[in-house]
Every structure is written in C-alpha cells, then in structure tokens.
Amino acid sequence: EDIDEWTYIRTQEDANEFMRLFVGFHDSTMDKLTYEEDYGKKQLTAIFDNSCWYGVAELCFEGLIRMNLHGFGENYSREIYDGTLLIQNERVYWADGFLQEEDMNYRGTWIKALNLKWRKID
C-alpha cells in the first residue's frame, strides 16, 4: 500500500544498490530510532544522516526480530565508518560495522527484521 512512498529492499542486489547510494553508511550518523508495536506488529524506524555524501534516509525495519543497541563511549564521536546490509533466508540484517556475515554476537549496533524499506527524506 505504500509502494509509492518507499523503496523496498527484497534481495541482496537491492541491498547492494542501497549501500552504493548511501556510500556504505560511511560518515553517517544514526539520529533517531522509533519503535512501534501494534497487535503483534513490530516495527523499528531509523533516521540516518549521511549529508556529506547522500542526504538523510529513513529506514523502516518491519517485523523486528531482534536488535542490539550499543552506545558510543564518552570520548568517541558517533559517526559510522562502514556498515553491513545482508538479505538472507528472507531476513534483513543491518550492522554499524563491516561484517561478512550475520553475527548475533557482534558488539556494535545491529538490527534483524523480516523486511526493510527506505526513503530519502532530505
């Protein structure tokens, strides 16, 4: 129903194209997270600012399975230097570091969900 507003990432090729557009999340920041749950439907929306390269994008992780949020230390900046976006077994896995495969023990921030859609908002 929202196909005109969002671009869906359904395959690894779609994920690779988004990563190319968004420069692999290099120098981006995660500015806002919004979690919503309604009658068992779990959704996490993340706003990423990559103004140096692409702009601001909103990513909507539908059917949230699990996530790990890792804050930055007191003397660290919040820029993401590179990211991971994998589509495997009809699942989406995003992480704030470069990983070759899904790692549920990764110590950084990561999100696992059933679906992912995105849109440019600035």
Foldseek 3Di string as FASTA:
>chain_A
DCVVAKAWDFAVVSVVVVCVQCVQQAQKAFDDWDWDADPRKTKIKTWIASPVGHGIKIKIFTAWDDKDADDDDPPDDGRQHGKDWHQDPQKIKIFSHDDPDDDPPDPHIMTIHNIMIMHHDD
